[in-house]
Amino acid sequence: MFRLAHLSDVHLGPLPDVTYRQLASKRITGYLNWQMNRAKTFNVGALGAIVSDMLAAKPDHIAVTGDLMNLALADEIAFSVKWLETLGSPHDVSVVPGNHDAYVPGALRKASIAWRPWTSGEHGWAKANDNGYPYVRVRGDVAIVGVSSARASAPFLATGNFTELQARRMGRILDRAKAEGLARVILIHHPPVRGAAPAHKRLLGIGTFQKAVARHGAELVLHGHTHLPTLYWIGGKDGMVPVVGVAAGGESQGHEKPLAQWNLIEVERGDGDQPWHIHLTRRGLVGHTGQIAQLSTEELVEPSRRAAIQARTAAKATA
């Protein structure tokens, strides 16, 4: 069994000192949002509790699906590197960027260079872009496929983008991983599902992503961005593919979104009818206690198959 921890949207704070020159861009809107909103609800105590609980579970690997930063300042990039180092060896931690990590033009490139130890993967599977995406990292029986939806967008927008070129390259990775008998887990920041995010925060290229998964297949997609613990299903080559979101890793009291959470994904080989068993456990802060508890647990079985399993179970019970 391979145990994968999923964390996202930590929005590391507090903000470093910001100059007037740095605010002469989209960063002014993000700065005001931090001062009026996020600084009140995101704190290191919540994130520290989540990370401690996650590390205590001793996962085999940790996936961070973006928005480590707020304004993508140089000092934030340096701080994000220090924080990633606290999670463990770069061999055991993978990261993909979010829209806040690409807040202004040029920021994504700088962050991608700084994060290269956490995105460097197997050679020869597919060509990556200048920022290193898509990548694949084979760990145990799992191929962790990191793609980027991050881009610098206009003020008051938090849209992402997934291109045809990245889809073709991801497809080659998915095909090879399937041929090598690996479970394929895709990491992306924006949810590749229509209606999962409001229009000003949506992913451009949802159809492109879904067509690639339908053509090549995958076992699981993990994302962040919405700060919500969600589960969607999209079509895959061999059946429906679960798309799992997670609440923001640093969220504390004072906001309408759920308190900080992390996901534990357990991947185990199955049989011919179900090649892989994937189990999802959500853990997070509970009320005002500051304590971490298990919030839910379930096996990720597509709805139609779940109904058939339940029907068979009921038939056996009454036989």
C-alpha atoms as a PDB file:
ATOM      1  CA  MET A   1       0.000   0.000   0.000  1.00  0.00           C
ATOM      2  CA  PHE A   2       1.222   3.485  -0.908  1.00  0.00           C
ATOM      3  CA  ARG A   3       0.183   6.304   1.429  1.00  0.00           C
ATOM      4  CA  LEU A   4       0.065   9.784  -0.097  1.00  0.00           C
ATOM      5  CA  ALA A   5      -0.618  12.954   1.921  1.00  0.00           C
ATOM      6  CA  HIS A   6      -2.326  15.842   0.116  1.00  0.00           C
ATOM      7  CA  LEU A   7      -2.015  19.445   1.298  1.00  0.00           C
ATOM      8  CA  SER A   8      -2.835  22.681  -0.525  1.00  0.00           C
ATOM      9  CA  ASP A   9      -3.331  26.452  -0.307  1.00  0.00           C
ATOM     10  CA  VAL A  10      -1.196  27.081   2.758  1.00  0.00           C
ATOM     11  CA  HIS A  11      -0.714  30.795   1.901  1.00  0.00           C
ATOM     12  CA  LEU A  12       2.374  31.143   4.047  1.00  0.00           C
ATOM     13  CA  GLY A  13       2.443  34.247   6.171  1.00  0.00           C
ATOM     14  CA  PRO A  14       2.921  36.783   7.469  1.00  0.00           C
ATOM     15  CA  LEU A  15       3.712  38.853   4.413  1.00  0.00           C
ATOM     16  CA  PRO A  16       7.250  40.214   4.225  1.00  0.00           C
ATOM     17  CA  ASP A  17       7.747  43.965   3.979  1.00  0.00           C
ATOM     18  CA  VAL A  18       6.405  45.245   0.667  1.00  0.00           C
ATOM     19  CA  THR A  19       7.686  48.322  -1.165  1.00  0.00           C
ATOM     20  CA  TYR A  20       5.499  50.814  -3.001  1.00  0.00           C
ATOM     21  CA  ARG A  21       7.196  49.752  -6.227  1.00  0.00           C
ATOM     22  CA  GLN A  22       6.206  46.129  -5.666  1.00  0.00           C
ATOM     23  CA  LEU A  23       2.600  47.199  -5.108  1.00  0.00           C
ATOM     24  CA  ALA A  24       2.468  49.070  -8.418  1.00  0.00           C
ATOM     25  CA  SER A  25       0.903  46.006 -10.067  1.00  0.00           C
ATOM     26  CA  LYS A  26      -1.782  43.417  -9.424  1.00  0.00           C
ATOM     27  CA  ARG A  27      -0.062  42.890  -6.082  1.00  0.00           C
ATOM     28  CA  ILE A  28      -1.945  45.884  -4.629  1.00  0.00           C
ATOM     29  CA  THR A  29      -5.223  43.929  -4.755  1.00  0.00           C
ATOM     30  CA  GLY A  30      -3.616  40.871  -3.191  1.00  0.00           C
ATOM     31  CA  TYR A  31      -1.976  42.989  -0.507  1.00  0.00           C
ATOM     32  CA  LEU A  32      -5.287  44.578   0.446  1.00  0.00           C
ATOM     33  CA  ASN A  33      -6.975  41.167   0.445  1.00  0.00           C
ATOM     34  CA  TRP A  34      -4.311  39.843   2.797  1.00  0.00           C
ATOM     35  CA  GLN A  35      -4.574  42.793   5.179  1.00  0.00           C
ATOM     36  CA  MET A  36      -8.387  42.853   5.287  1.00  0.00           C
ATOM     37  CA  ASN A  37      -9.167  39.151   5.049  1.00  0.00           C
ATOM     38  CA  ARG A  38      -6.548  36.421   4.826  1.00  0.00           C
ATOM     39  CA  ALA A  39      -4.269  37.755   7.563  1.00  0.00           C
ATOM     40  CA  LYS A  40      -7.189  37.325   9.983  1.00  0.00           C
ATOM     41  CA  THR A  41      -8.070  33.754   9.033  1.00  0.00           C
ATOM     42  CA  PHE A  42      -4.765  32.154   7.991  1.00  0.00           C
ATOM     43  CA  ASN A  43      -2.176  31.597  10.682  1.00  0.00           C
ATOM     44  CA  VAL A  44       0.886  29.503  11.369  1.00  0.00           C
ATOM     45  CA  GLY A  45      -0.827  27.817  14.319  1.00  0.00           C
ATOM     46  CA  ALA A  46      -3.445  26.187  12.111  1.00  0.00           C
ATOM     47  CA  LEU A  47      -0.916  25.190   9.485  1.00  0.00           C
ATOM     48  CA  GLY A  48       1.531  23.957  12.105  1.00  0.00           C
ATOM     49  CA  ALA A  49      -1.109  21.700  13.638  1.00  0.00           C
ATOM     50  CA  ILE A  50      -2.030  20.300  10.231  1.00  0.00           C
ATOM     51  CA  VAL A  51       1.580  19.629   9.249  1.00  0.00           C
ATOM     52  CA  SER A  52       2.370  18.009  12.598  1.00  0.00           C
ATOM     53  CA  ASP A  53      -0.619  15.687  12.258  1.00  0.00           C
ATOM     54  CA  MET A  54       0.304  14.874   8.680  1.00  0.00           C
ATOM     55  CA  LEU A  55       3.929  14.080   9.474  1.00  0.00           C
ATOM     56  CA  ALA A  56       2.864  11.959  12.461  1.00  0.00           C
ATOM     57  CA  ALA A  57       0.952   9.735  10.032  1.00  0.00           C
ATOM     58  CA  LYS A  58       4.278   8.964   8.286  1.00  0.00           C
ATOM     59  CA  PRO A  59       3.016   9.046   4.685  1.00  0.00           C
ATOM     60  CA  ASP A  60       5.198   7.609   1.941  1.00  0.00           C
ATOM     61  CA  HIS A  61       4.935  10.851  -0.028  1.00  0.00           C
ATOM     62  CA  ILE A  62       3.474  14.359   0.299  1.00  0.00           C
ATOM     63  CA  ALA A  63       1.758  16.257  -2.536  1.00  0.00           C
ATOM     64  CA  VAL A  64       1.316  20.040  -2.274  1.00  0.00           C
ATOM     65  CA  THR A  65      -1.059  21.397  -4.910  1.00  0.00           C
ATOM     66  CA  GLY A  66      -0.167  25.062  -5.013  1.00  0.00           C
ATOM     67  CA  ASP A  67      -0.688  28.496  -3.495  1.00  0.00           C
ATOM     68  CA  LEU A  68       2.191  28.325  -1.082  1.00  0.00           C
ATOM     69  CA  MET A  69       2.505  32.106  -1.395  1.00  0.00           C
ATOM     70  CA  ASN A  70       0.307  35.180  -1.519  1.00  0.00           C
ATOM     71  CA  LEU A  71       1.951  37.794  -3.759  1.00  0.00           C
ATOM     72  CA  ALA A  72       4.882  35.746  -5.093  1.00  0.00           C
ATOM     73  CA  LEU A  73       7.445  38.169  -3.703  1.00  0.00           C
ATOM     74  CA  ALA A  74      11.105  37.148  -3.738  1.00  0.00           C
ATOM     75  CA  ASP A  75      11.120  36.787   0.049  1.00  0.00           C
ATOM     76  CA  GLU A  76       7.992  34.615  -0.162  1.00  0.00           C
ATOM     77  CA  ILE A  77       9.672  32.319  -2.661  1.00  0.00           C
ATOM     78  CA  ALA A  78      12.635  31.922  -0.308  1.00  0.00           C
ATOM     79  CA  PHE A  79      10.267  31.274   2.598  1.00  0.00           C
ATOM     80  CA  SER A  80       8.345  28.665   0.592  1.00  0.00           C
ATOM     81  CA  VAL A  81      11.588  26.772   0.000  1.00  0.00           C
ATOM     82  CA  LYS A  82      12.343  26.776   3.720  1.00  0.00           C
ATOM     83  CA  TRP A  83       8.834  25.529   4.441  1.00  0.00           C
ATOM     84  CA  LEU A  84       9.049  22.729   1.855  1.00  0.00           C
ATOM     85  CA  GLU A  85      12.285  21.615   3.504  1.00  0.00           C
ATOM     86  CA  THR A  86      10.417  21.136   6.792  1.00  0.00           C
ATOM     87  CA  LEU A  87       8.125  18.562   5.154  1.00  0.00           C
ATOM     88  CA  GLY A  88      10.935  16.146   4.393  1.00  0.00           C
ATOM     89  CA  SER A  89      13.396  15.220   1.693  1.00  0.00           C
ATOM     90  CA  PRO A  90      12.583  16.621  -1.778  1.00  0.00           C
ATOM     91  CA  HIS A  91      12.490  12.976  -2.905  1.00  0.00           C
ATOM     92  CA  ASP A  92       9.429  12.505  -0.695  1.00  0.00           C
ATOM     93  CA  VAL A  93       7.603  15.771  -1.453  1.00  0.00           C
ATOM     94  CA  SER A  94       6.126  16.950  -4.767  1.00  0.00           C
ATOM     95  CA  VAL A  95       4.699  20.383  -5.523  1.00  0.00           C
ATOM     96  CA  VAL A  96       2.800  22.113  -8.322  1.00  0.00           C
ATOM     97  CA  PRO A  97       2.159  25.881  -8.485  1.00  0.00           C
ATOM     98  CA  GLY A  98      -1.062  27.786  -7.933  1.00  0.00           C
ATOM     99  CA  ASN A  99      -2.235  31.137  -9.206  1.00  0.00           C
ATOM    100  CA  HIS A 100      -0.793  32.956  -6.170  1.00  0.00           C
ATOM    101  CA  ASP A 101       2.602  31.431  -6.957  1.00  0.00           C
ATOM    102  CA  ALA A 102       2.368  33.050 -10.407  1.00  0.00           C
ATOM    103  CA  TYR A 103       0.811  36.274  -9.199  1.00  0.00           C
ATOM    104  CA  VAL A 104       2.637  38.607 -11.575  1.00  0.00           C
ATOM    105  CA  PRO A 105       4.561  37.989 -14.822  1.00  0.00           C
ATOM    106  CA  GLY A 106       7.907  36.336 -14.143  1.00  0.00           C
ATOM    107  CA  ALA A 107       6.995  35.024 -10.688  1.00  0.00           C
ATOM    108  CA  LEU A 108       6.181  31.487 -11.849  1.00  0.00           C
ATOM    109  CA  ARG A 109       9.552  31.143 -13.523  1.00  0.00           C
ATOM    110  CA  LYS A 110      11.379  32.224 -10.352  1.00  0.00           C
ATOM    111  CA  ALA A 111       9.324  29.918  -8.137  1.00  0.00           C
ATOM    112  CA  SER A 112       9.789  26.990 -10.517  1.00  0.00           C
ATOM    113  CA  ILE A 113      13.557  27.379 -10.428  1.00  0.00           C
ATOM    114  CA  ALA A 114      13.539  27.533  -6.627  1.00  0.00           C
ATOM    115  CA  TRP A 115      11.267  24.478  -6.401  1.00  0.00           C
ATOM    116  CA  ARG A 116      13.185  22.312  -8.863  1.00  0.00           C
ATOM    117  CA  PRO A 117      14.300  19.785  -6.180  1.00  0.00           C
ATOM    118  CA  TRP A 118      10.592  19.067  -5.520  1.00  0.00           C
ATOM    119  CA  THR A 119       9.607  18.776  -9.200  1.00  0.00           C
ATOM    120  CA  SER A 120      12.554  16.975 -10.779  1.00  0.00           C
ATOM    121  CA  GLY A 121      11.363  13.598 -11.994  1.00  0.00           C
ATOM    122  CA  GLU A 122      12.010  10.696 -14.289  1.00  0.00           C
ATOM    123  CA  HIS A 123      13.932  11.451 -17.491  1.00  0.00           C
ATOM    124  CA  GLY A 124      12.783  10.576 -20.966  1.00  0.00           C
ATOM    125  CA  TRP A 125       9.049  10.188 -20.322  1.00  0.00           C
ATOM    126  CA  ALA A 126       7.936  13.458 -21.932  1.00  0.00           C
ATOM    127  CA  LYS A 127       9.376  16.863 -22.643  1.00  0.00           C
ATOM    128  CA  ALA A 128       8.655  19.510 -19.997  1.00  0.00           C
ATOM    129  CA  ASN A 129       8.256  23.238 -20.527  1.00  0.00           C
ATOM    130  CA  ASP A 130      10.783  25.775 -19.284  1.00  0.00           C
ATOM    131  CA  ASN A 131       9.226  25.668 -15.815  1.00  0.00           C
ATOM    132  CA  GLY A 132       9.492  21.879 -15.571  1.00  0.00           C
ATOM    133  CA  TYR A 133       5.908  20.780 -16.242  1.00  0.00           C
ATOM    134  CA  PRO A 134       4.587  18.227 -16.722  1.00  0.00           C
ATOM    135  CA  TYR A 135       6.811  15.979 -14.634  1.00  0.00           C
ATOM    136  CA  VAL A 136       6.493  12.407 -13.416  1.00  0.00           C
ATOM    137  CA  ARG A 137       7.954  10.939 -10.233  1.00  0.00           C
ATOM    138  CA  VAL A 138       7.669   7.174  -9.761  1.00  0.00           C
ATOM    139  CA  ARG A 139       7.388   6.211  -6.125  1.00  0.00           C
ATOM    140  CA  GLY A 140       6.544   2.603  -5.322  1.00  0.00           C
ATOM    141  CA  ASP A 141       3.609   1.521  -7.490  1.00  0.00           C
ATOM    142  CA  VAL A 142       2.518   5.115  -8.113  1.00  0.00           C
ATOM    143  CA  ALA A 143       3.345   7.600 -10.865  1.00  0.00           C
ATOM    144  CA  ILE A 144       2.904  11.127  -9.500  1.00  0.00           C
ATOM    145  CA  VAL A 145       2.237  13.403 -12.481  1.00  0.00           C
ATOM    146  CA  GLY A 146       2.619  17.122 -11.810  1.00  0.00           C
ATOM    147  CA  VAL A 147       1.059  19.608 -14.220  1.00  0.00           C
ATOM    148  CA  SER A 148       0.801  23.383 -14.017  1.00  0.00           C
ATOM    149  CA  SER A 149      -2.373  25.429 -14.302  1.00  0.00           C
ATOM    150  CA  ALA A 150      -0.716  28.526 -12.846  1.00  0.00           C
ATOM    151  CA  ARG A 151      -0.447  31.766 -14.762  1.00  0.00           C
ATOM    152  CA  ALA A 152      -0.345  35.492 -14.072  1.00  0.00           C
ATOM    153  CA  SER A 153      -3.877  36.817 -14.543  1.00  0.00           C
ATOM    154  CA  ALA A 154      -5.426  40.281 -14.542  1.00  0.00           C
ATOM    155  CA  PRO A 155      -6.486  42.036 -11.319  1.00  0.00           C
ATOM    156  CA  PHE A 156      -9.525  40.468  -9.630  1.00  0.00           C
ATOM    157  CA  LEU A 157      -9.029  37.250 -11.610  1.00  0.00           C
ATOM    158  CA  ALA A 158      -7.569  33.949 -10.384  1.00  0.00           C
ATOM    159  CA  THR A 159      -7.980  31.887 -13.529  1.00  0.00           C
ATOM    160  CA  GLY A 160      -5.694  29.063 -14.558  1.00  0.00           C
ATOM    161  CA  ASN A 161      -4.761  27.572 -17.898  1.00  0.00           C
ATOM    162  CA  PHE A 162      -4.147  24.066 -19.218  1.00  0.00           C
ATOM    163  CA  THR A 163      -2.823  23.942 -22.775  1.00  0.00           C
ATOM    164  CA  GLU A 164      -3.043  21.418 -25.597  1.00  0.00           C
ATOM    165  CA  LEU A 165       0.741  21.067 -25.554  1.00  0.00           C
ATOM    166  CA  GLN A 166       0.797  20.155 -21.875  1.00  0.00           C
ATOM    167  CA  ALA A 167      -2.110  17.758 -22.466  1.00  0.00           C
ATOM    168  CA  ARG A 168      -0.176  15.882 -25.165  1.00  0.00           C
ATOM    169  CA  ARG A 169       2.886  15.608 -22.971  1.00  0.00           C
ATOM    170  CA  MET A 170       0.800  14.486 -19.992  1.00  0.00           C
ATOM    171  CA  GLY A 171      -0.840  11.895 -22.221  1.00  0.00           C
ATOM    172  CA  ARG A 172       2.512  10.319 -23.063  1.00  0.00           C
ATOM    173  CA  ILE A 173       3.307  10.067 -19.367  1.00  0.00           C
ATOM    174  CA  LEU A 174      -0.065   8.503 -18.572  1.00  0.00           C
ATOM    175  CA  ASP A 175       0.322   5.925 -21.351  1.00  0.00           C
ATOM    176  CA  ARG A 176       3.781   4.859 -20.239  1.00  0.00           C
ATOM    177  CA  ALA A 177       2.772   4.685 -16.580  1.00  0.00           C
ATOM    178  CA  LYS A 178      -0.170   2.480 -17.518  1.00  0.00           C
ATOM    179  CA  ALA A 179       2.106   0.199 -19.558  1.00  0.00           C
ATOM    180  CA  GLU A 180       4.439  -0.121 -16.570  1.00  0.00           C
ATOM    181  CA  GLY A 181       1.591  -1.110 -14.260  1.00  0.00           C
ATOM    182  CA  LEU A 182       1.588   2.051 -12.162  1.00  0.00           C
ATOM    183  CA  ALA A 183      -1.302   3.888 -10.516  1.00  0.00           C
ATOM    184  CA  ARG A 184      -1.447   7.376 -12.041  1.00  0.00           C
ATOM    185  CA  VAL A 185      -2.071  10.344  -9.714  1.00  0.00           C
ATOM    186  CA  ILE A 186      -2.256  13.786 -11.357  1.00  0.00           C
ATOM    187  CA  LEU A 187      -1.500  16.923  -9.335  1.00  0.00           C
ATOM    188  CA  ILE A 188      -2.986  20.248 -10.523  1.00  0.00           C
ATOM    189  CA  HIS A 189      -3.966  23.432  -8.683  1.00  0.00           C
ATOM    190  CA  HIS A 190      -7.236  24.461 -10.351  1.00  0.00           C
ATOM    191  CA  PRO A 191     -10.080  21.904 -10.331  1.00  0.00           C
ATOM    192  CA  PRO A 192     -10.460  20.488 -13.868  1.00  0.00           C
ATOM    193  CA  VAL A 193     -14.239  20.299 -13.431  1.00  0.00           C
ATOM    194  CA  ARG A 194     -16.859  22.654 -14.833  1.00  0.00           C
ATOM    195  CA  GLY A 195     -18.666  24.603 -12.132  1.00  0.00           C
ATOM    196  CA  ALA A 196     -16.192  23.687  -9.400  1.00  0.00           C
ATOM    197  CA  ALA A 197     -14.906  27.280  -9.202  1.00  0.00           C
ATOM    198  CA  PRO A 198     -16.628  30.592 -10.025  1.00  0.00           C
ATOM    199  CA  ALA A 199     -16.026  32.083 -13.462  1.00  0.00           C
ATOM    200  CA  HIS A 200     -13.335  34.522 -12.339  1.00  0.00           C
ATOM    201  CA  LYS A 201     -11.370  31.665 -10.737  1.00  0.00           C
ATOM    202  CA  ARG A 202     -11.987  28.879 -13.243  1.00  0.00           C
ATOM    203  CA  LEU A 203      -9.539  26.789 -15.207  1.00  0.00           C
ATOM    204  CA  LEU A 204      -9.312  27.645 -18.892  1.00  0.00           C
ATOM    205  CA  GLY A 205      -8.786  24.346 -20.659  1.00  0.00           C
ATOM    206  CA  ILE A 206     -11.039  22.100 -18.594  1.00  0.00           C
ATOM    207  CA  GLY A 207     -12.179  20.369 -21.779  1.00  0.00           C
ATOM    208  CA  THR A 208      -8.583  19.872 -22.871  1.00  0.00           C
ATOM    209  CA  PHE A 209      -7.683  18.264 -19.538  1.00  0.00           C
ATOM    210  CA  GLN A 210     -10.744  16.030 -19.467  1.00  0.00           C
ATOM    211  CA  LYS A 211     -10.239  14.862 -23.054  1.00  0.00           C
ATOM    212  CA  ALA A 212      -6.660  13.880 -22.214  1.00  0.00           C
ATOM    213  CA  VAL A 213      -7.804  11.869 -19.188  1.00  0.00           C
ATOM    214  CA  ALA A 214     -10.599  10.264 -21.233  1.00  0.00           C
ATOM    215  CA  ARG A 215      -8.094   9.300 -23.942  1.00  0.00           C
ATOM    216  CA  HIS A 216      -5.217   8.096 -21.768  1.00  0.00           C
ATOM    217  CA  GLY A 217      -6.732   7.311 -18.364  1.00  0.00           C
ATOM    218  CA  ALA A 218      -5.733   8.023 -14.769  1.00  0.00           C
ATOM    219  CA  GLU A 219      -6.552   6.671 -11.334  1.00  0.00           C
ATOM    220  CA  LEU A 220      -6.839   9.931  -9.377  1.00  0.00           C
ATOM    221  CA  VAL A 221      -6.637  13.722  -9.725  1.00  0.00           C
ATOM    222  CA  LEU A 222      -5.728  15.915  -6.734  1.00  0.00           C
ATOM    223  CA  HIS A 223      -6.262  19.696  -6.717  1.00  0.00           C
ATOM    224  CA  GLY A 224      -6.578  22.734  -4.468  1.00  0.00           C
ATOM    225  CA  HIS A 225      -7.677  26.322  -5.219  1.00  0.00           C
ATOM    226  CA  THR A 226     -11.279  26.253  -3.970  1.00  0.00           C
ATOM    227  CA  HIS A 227     -10.383  25.730  -0.294  1.00  0.00           C
ATOM    228  CA  LEU A 228     -13.103  23.064  -0.191  1.00  0.00           C
ATOM    229  CA  PRO A 229     -13.030  19.306   0.563  1.00  0.00           C
ATOM    230  CA  THR A 230     -14.714  18.138  -2.637  1.00  0.00           C
ATOM    231  CA  LEU A 231     -15.082  14.974  -4.681  1.00  0.00           C
ATOM    232  CA  TYR A 232     -15.986  14.984  -8.376  1.00  0.00           C
ATOM    233  CA  TRP A 233     -15.804  12.337 -11.097  1.00  0.00           C
ATOM    234  CA  ILE A 234     -14.670  12.751 -14.702  1.00  0.00           C
ATOM    235  CA  GLY A 235     -14.545  10.251 -17.534  1.00  0.00           C
ATOM    236  CA  GLY A 236     -11.424   8.156 -17.979  1.00  0.00           C
ATOM    237  CA  LYS A 237     -10.262   5.579 -20.495  1.00  0.00           C
ATOM    238  CA  ASP A 238     -11.180   2.642 -18.258  1.00  0.00           C
ATOM    239  CA  GLY A 239     -13.898   4.188 -16.092  1.00  0.00           C
ATOM    240  CA  MET A 240     -14.669   7.250 -14.031  1.00  0.00           C
ATOM    241  CA  VAL A 241     -11.742   9.056 -12.368  1.00  0.00           C
ATOM    242  CA  PRO A 242     -12.099  10.674  -8.915  1.00  0.00           C
ATOM    243  CA  VAL A 243     -11.102  14.341  -8.641  1.00  0.00           C
ATOM    244  CA  VAL A 244     -10.357  15.231  -5.014  1.00  0.00           C
ATOM    245  CA  GLY A 245     -10.069  18.718  -3.530  1.00  0.00           C
ATOM    246  CA  VAL A 246      -8.931  19.693  -0.056  1.00  0.00           C
ATOM    247  CA  ALA A 247      -9.642  22.554   2.337  1.00  0.00           C
ATOM    248  CA  ALA A 248      -6.919  25.184   2.665  1.00  0.00           C
ATOM    249  CA  GLY A 249      -4.036  24.039   4.833  1.00  0.00           C
ATOM    250  CA  GLY A 250      -3.799  27.243   6.866  1.00  0.00           C
ATOM    251  CA  GLU A 251      -7.460  28.205   7.349  1.00  0.00           C
ATOM    252  CA  SER A 252      -8.491  29.032  10.917  1.00  0.00           C
ATOM    253  CA  GLN A 253     -11.502  30.634  12.581  1.00  0.00           C
ATOM    254  CA  GLY A 254     -13.267  33.652  11.115  1.00  0.00           C
ATOM    255  CA  HIS A 255     -14.031  32.599   7.535  1.00  0.00           C
ATOM    256  CA  GLU A 256     -16.933  30.853   5.840  1.00  0.00           C
ATOM    257  CA  LYS A 257     -14.650  28.205   4.337  1.00  0.00           C
ATOM    258  CA  PRO A 258     -13.879  24.954   6.228  1.00  0.00           C
ATOM    259  CA  LEU A 259     -11.077  24.947   8.755  1.00  0.00           C
ATOM    260  CA  ALA A 260      -7.650  23.638   7.761  1.00  0.00           C
ATOM    261  CA  GLN A 261      -7.492  20.054   6.529  1.00  0.00           C
ATOM    262  CA  TRP A 262      -5.262  17.528   4.803  1.00  0.00           C
ATOM    263  CA  ASN A 263      -6.059  14.339   2.919  1.00  0.00           C
ATOM    264  CA  LEU A 264      -4.551  10.878   3.301  1.00  0.00           C
ATOM    265  CA  ILE A 265      -4.792   8.843   0.107  1.00  0.00           C
ATOM    266  CA  GLU A 266      -4.075   5.108   0.324  1.00  0.00           C
ATOM    267  CA  VAL A 267      -3.452   3.316  -2.976  1.00  0.00           C
ATOM    268  CA  GLU A 268      -3.399  -0.465  -3.114  1.00  0.00           C
ATOM    269  CA  ARG A 269      -3.421  -2.983  -5.956  1.00  0.00           C
ATOM    270  CA  GLY A 270      -6.767  -4.661  -6.544  1.00  0.00           C
ATOM    271  CA  ASP A 271      -7.975  -7.339  -8.933  1.00  0.00           C
ATOM    272  CA  GLY A 272      -9.100  -7.522 -12.547  1.00  0.00           C
ATOM    273  CA  ASP A 273     -12.502  -5.982 -11.860  1.00  0.00           C
ATOM    274  CA  GLN A 274     -10.944  -3.152  -9.870  1.00  0.00           C
ATOM    275  CA  PRO A 275      -7.197  -2.845 -10.573  1.00  0.00           C
ATOM    276  CA  TRP A 276      -6.642  -0.269  -7.827  1.00  0.00           C
ATOM    277  CA  HIS A 277      -8.272   0.390  -4.480  1.00  0.00           C
ATOM    278  CA  ILE A 278      -8.054   4.046  -3.443  1.00  0.00           C
ATOM    279  CA  HIS A 279      -9.073   5.101   0.042  1.00  0.00           C
ATOM    280  CA  LEU A 280      -9.551   8.740   1.095  1.00  0.00           C
ATOM    281  CA  THR A 281      -9.361   9.945   4.705  1.00  0.00           C
ATOM    282  CA  ARG A 282      -9.864  13.621   5.517  1.00  0.00           C
ATOM    283  CA  ARG A 283      -8.342  15.040   8.697  1.00  0.00           C
ATOM    284  CA  GLY A 284      -8.595  18.594   9.994  1.00  0.00           C
ATOM    285  CA  LEU A 285      -9.159  21.158  12.712  1.00  0.00           C
ATOM    286  CA  VAL A 286     -12.298  20.751  14.800  1.00  0.00           C
ATOM    287  CA  GLY A 287     -14.131  23.814  16.141  1.00  0.00           C
ATOM    288  CA  HIS A 288     -12.304  26.072  18.590  1.00  0.00           C
ATOM    289  CA  THR A 289     -10.342  23.248  20.189  1.00  0.00           C
ATOM    290  CA  GLY A 290      -7.308  23.472  17.943  1.00  0.00           C
ATOM    291  CA  GLN A 291      -7.357  19.686  17.816  1.00  0.00           C
ATOM    292  CA  ILE A 292      -7.047  17.566  14.680  1.00  0.00           C
ATOM    293  CA  ALA A 293      -9.543  14.774  14.108  1.00  0.00           C
ATOM    294  CA  GLN A 294     -10.616  12.374  11.383  1.00  0.00           C
ATOM    295  CA  LEU A 295     -13.480  14.032   9.537  1.00  0.00           C
ATOM    296  CA  SER A 296     -14.422  11.338   7.021  1.00  0.00           C
ATOM    297  CA  THR A 297     -13.162   8.173   5.396  1.00  0.00           C
ATOM    298  CA  GLU A 298     -14.281   6.336   2.265  1.00  0.00           C
ATOM    299  CA  GLU A 299     -13.133   4.126  -0.554  1.00  0.00           C
ATOM    300  CA  LEU A 300     -13.235   5.997  -3.854  1.00  0.00           C
ATOM    301  CA  VAL A 301     -15.500   3.816  -5.943  1.00  0.00           C
ATOM    302  CA  GLU A 302     -17.262   5.376  -8.924  1.00  0.00           C
ATOM    303  CA  PRO A 303     -21.008   5.831  -8.324  1.00  0.00           C
ATOM    304  CA  SER A 304     -22.214   3.213 -10.814  1.00  0.00           C
ATOM    305  CA  ARG A 305     -19.825   0.577  -9.492  1.00  0.00           C
ATOM    306  CA  ARG A 306     -20.663   1.480  -5.897  1.00  0.00           C
ATOM    307  CA  ALA A 307     -24.352   0.865  -6.615  1.00  0.00           C
ATOM    308  CA  ALA A 308     -23.534  -2.557  -8.104  1.00  0.00           C
ATOM    309  CA  ILE A 309     -21.386  -3.485  -5.104  1.00  0.00           C
ATOM    310  CA  GLN A 310     -24.122  -2.431  -2.696  1.00  0.00           C
ATOM    311  CA  ALA A 311     -26.683  -4.451  -4.667  1.00  0.00           C
ATOM    312  CA  ARG A 312     -24.477  -7.570  -4.546  1.00  0.00           C
ATOM    313  CA  THR A 313     -23.880  -7.087  -0.823  1.00  0.00           C
ATOM    314  CA  ALA A 314     -27.604  -6.725  -0.168  1.00  0.00           C
ATOM    315  CA  ALA A 315     -28.368  -9.836  -2.247  1.00  0.00           C
ATOM    316  CA  LYS A 316     -25.871 -11.905  -0.275  1.00  0.00           C
ATOM    317  CA  ALA A 317     -27.318 -10.644   3.005  1.00  0.00           C
ATOM    318  CA  THR A 318     -30.815 -11.768   2.084  1.00  0.00           C
ATOM    319  CA  ALA A 319     -29.800 -15.076   0.457  1.00  0.00           C
END
